Amino acid sequence: MQLTARADTQATTRSSGVRDADGMAVASFILGLVGLLVLNVFLGPIAIALASVALWRGTARRGRAFLGLGLGVADLLVLVAFMQMDSTVSWSF
């Protein structure tokens, strides 16, 4: 008599990998969105990296990963625009 369900190791590994990729897609979106306001020099590249890894791992949330990728690039473009306006390496309000 078996009291617990038999764990299929390949299915468990695959589902946790997809779940991790889904989490990375959501995290890249959130970090890219927050990065538009603060710390875009750090959060932009992190959002780009997380979105790229999520897409590479085959996330089910491809749209959110692409949004995170776009927002990460937008973070860096905002940083460059403010740097050009201030003629400095950083920007402030």
C-alpha atoms as a PDB file:
ATOM      1  CA  MET A   1       0.000   0.000   0.000  1.00  0.00           C
ATOM      2  CA  GLN A   2       1.369   3.381  -1.018  1.00  0.00           C
ATOM      3  CA  LEU A   3       0.229   6.444   0.927  1.00  0.00           C
ATOM      4  CA  THR A   4       1.881   9.127  -1.182  1.00  0.00           C
ATOM      5  CA  ALA A   5       1.810   9.725  -4.876  1.00  0.00           C
ATOM      6  CA  ARG A   6       4.829   8.598  -6.822  1.00  0.00           C
ATOM      7  CA  ALA A   7       6.916  11.575  -7.844  1.00  0.00           C
ATOM      8  CA  ASP A   8       8.007  11.669 -11.449  1.00  0.00           C
ATOM      9  CA  THR A   9      11.401  13.400 -11.266  1.00  0.00           C
ATOM     10  CA  GLN A  10      11.455  14.618 -14.850  1.00  0.00           C
ATOM     11  CA  ALA A  11       7.973  16.170 -14.669  1.00  0.00           C
ATOM     12  CA  THR A  12       8.756  17.761 -11.307  1.00  0.00           C
ATOM     13  CA  THR A  13      11.988  19.279 -12.590  1.00  0.00           C
ATOM     14  CA  ARG A  14      10.348  20.562 -15.742  1.00  0.00           C
ATOM     15  CA  SER A  15       7.406  22.162 -13.961  1.00  0.00           C
ATOM     16  CA  SER A  16       9.639  23.844 -11.373  1.00  0.00           C
ATOM     17  CA  GLY A  17      11.883  25.149 -14.178  1.00  0.00           C
ATOM     18  CA  VAL A  18       8.912  26.691 -15.971  1.00  0.00           C
ATOM     19  CA  ARG A  19       7.634  28.089 -12.681  1.00  0.00           C
ATOM     20  CA  ASP A  20      11.049  29.669 -12.051  1.00  0.00           C
ATOM     21  CA  ALA A  21      11.013  31.173 -15.539  1.00  0.00           C
ATOM     22  CA  ASP A  22       7.515  32.563 -14.927  1.00  0.00           C
ATOM     23  CA  GLY A  23       8.763  34.167 -11.713  1.00  0.00           C
ATOM     24  CA  MET A  24      11.709  35.664 -13.562  1.00  0.00           C
ATOM     25  CA  ALA A  25       9.372  37.141 -16.174  1.00  0.00           C
ATOM     26  CA  VAL A  26       7.225  38.775 -13.492  1.00  0.00           C
ATOM     27  CA  ALA A  27      10.299  40.002 -11.602  1.00  0.00           C
ATOM     28  CA  SER A  28      11.773  41.554 -14.749  1.00  0.00           C
ATOM     29  CA  PHE A  29       8.501  43.384 -15.398  1.00  0.00           C
ATOM     30  CA  ILE A  30       8.323  44.736 -11.842  1.00  0.00           C
ATOM     31  CA  LEU A  31      11.995  45.729 -11.713  1.00  0.00           C
ATOM     32  CA  GLY A  32      11.737  47.422 -15.108  1.00  0.00           C
ATOM     33  CA  LEU A  33       8.669  49.346 -13.994  1.00  0.00           C
ATOM     34  CA  VAL A  34      10.225  50.464 -10.712  1.00  0.00           C
ATOM     35  CA  GLY A  35      13.474  51.240 -12.530  1.00  0.00           C
ATOM     36  CA  LEU A  36      11.771  53.964 -14.533  1.00  0.00           C
ATOM     37  CA  LEU A  37      11.503  55.969 -11.310  1.00  0.00           C
ATOM     38  CA  VAL A  38      14.520  55.027  -9.178  1.00  0.00           C
ATOM     39  CA  LEU A  39      17.861  53.246  -9.532  1.00  0.00           C
ATOM     40  CA  ASN A  40      17.507  52.718 -13.267  1.00  0.00           C
ATOM     41  CA  VAL A  41      21.251  52.196 -13.651  1.00  0.00           C
ATOM     42  CA  PHE A  42      20.933  49.001 -11.568  1.00  0.00           C
ATOM     43  CA  LEU A  43      17.377  47.845 -12.148  1.00  0.00           C
ATOM     44  CA  GLY A  44      17.439  48.253 -15.944  1.00  0.00           C
ATOM     45  CA  PRO A  45      20.212  45.722 -16.622  1.00  0.00           C
ATOM     46  CA  ILE A  46      18.784  43.321 -14.023  1.00  0.00           C
ATOM     47  CA  ALA A  47      15.369  43.487 -15.727  1.00  0.00           C
ATOM     48  CA  ILE A  48      16.987  42.836 -19.116  1.00  0.00           C
ATOM     49  CA  ALA A  49      18.937  39.854 -17.780  1.00  0.00           C
ATOM     50  CA  LEU A  50      15.934  38.298 -16.015  1.00  0.00           C
ATOM     51  CA  ALA A  51      13.702  38.723 -19.054  1.00  0.00           C
ATOM     52  CA  SER A  52      16.327  37.180 -21.340  1.00  0.00           C
ATOM     53  CA  VAL A  53      16.784  34.158 -19.067  1.00  0.00           C
ATOM     54  CA  ALA A  54      13.019  33.731 -18.712  1.00  0.00           C
ATOM     55  CA  LEU A  55      12.566  33.761 -22.489  1.00  0.00           C
ATOM     56  CA  TRP A  56      15.490  31.367 -22.936  1.00  0.00           C
ATOM     57  CA  ARG A  57      13.969  28.925 -20.420  1.00  0.00           C
ATOM     58  CA  GLY A  58      10.619  29.019 -22.199  1.00  0.00           C
ATOM     59  CA  THR A  59       8.334  30.896 -19.846  1.00  0.00           C
ATOM     60  CA  ALA A  60       4.585  30.698 -20.220  1.00  0.00           C
ATOM     61  CA  ARG A  61       4.427  34.449 -19.572  1.00  0.00           C
ATOM     62  CA  ARG A  62       6.208  35.577 -22.718  1.00  0.00           C
ATOM     63  CA  GLY A  63       4.315  38.876 -22.886  1.00  0.00           C
ATOM     64  CA  ARG A  64       5.369  39.850 -19.399  1.00  0.00           C
ATOM     65  CA  ALA A  65       8.970  38.875 -20.171  1.00  0.00           C
ATOM     66  CA  PHE A  66       8.939  41.035 -23.307  1.00  0.00           C
ATOM     67  CA  LEU A  67       7.473  43.921 -21.293  1.00  0.00           C
ATOM     68  CA  GLY A  68      10.246  43.497 -18.726  1.00  0.00           C
ATOM     69  CA  LEU A  69      12.819  43.499 -21.512  1.00  0.00           C
ATOM     70  CA  GLY A  70      11.344  46.645 -23.036  1.00  0.00           C
ATOM     71  CA  LEU A  71      11.106  48.408 -19.677  1.00  0.00           C
ATOM     72  CA  GLY A  72      14.713  47.483 -18.889  1.00  0.00           C
ATOM     73  CA  VAL A  73      15.837  49.077 -22.144  1.00  0.00           C
ATOM     74  CA  ALA A  74      13.607  52.085 -21.417  1.00  0.00           C
ATOM     75  CA  ASP A  75      15.289  52.424 -18.010  1.00  0.00           C
ATOM     76  CA  LEU A  76      18.652  52.762 -19.670  1.00  0.00           C
ATOM     77  CA  LEU A  77      17.299  55.191 -22.271  1.00  0.00           C
ATOM     78  CA  VAL A  78      15.802  57.376 -19.510  1.00  0.00           C
ATOM     79  CA  LEU A  79      19.164  57.336 -17.744  1.00  0.00           C
ATOM     80  CA  VAL A  80      20.973  58.408 -20.917  1.00  0.00           C
ATOM     81  CA  ALA A  81      18.420  61.158 -21.601  1.00  0.00           C
ATOM     82  CA  PHE A  82      18.746  62.617 -18.104  1.00  0.00           C
ATOM     83  CA  MET A  83      22.528  62.348 -18.261  1.00  0.00           C
ATOM     84  CA  GLN A  84      22.522  64.334 -21.491  1.00  0.00           C
ATOM     85  CA  MET A  85      20.245  66.990 -20.031  1.00  0.00           C
ATOM     86  CA  ASP A  86      22.340  67.421 -16.865  1.00  0.00           C
ATOM     87  CA  SER A  87      25.734  66.871 -18.548  1.00  0.00           C
ATOM     88  CA  THR A  88      26.692  64.592 -15.645  1.00  0.00           C
ATOM     89  CA  VAL A  89      27.222  60.906 -15.029  1.00  0.00           C
ATOM     90  CA  SER A  90      24.100  60.686 -12.845  1.00  0.00           C
ATOM     91  CA  TRP A  91      20.808  62.518 -12.652  1.00  0.00           C
ATOM     92  CA  SER A  92      18.650  64.060  -9.956  1.00  0.00           C
ATOM     93  CA  PHE A  93      15.385  65.966  -9.780  1.00  0.00           C
END
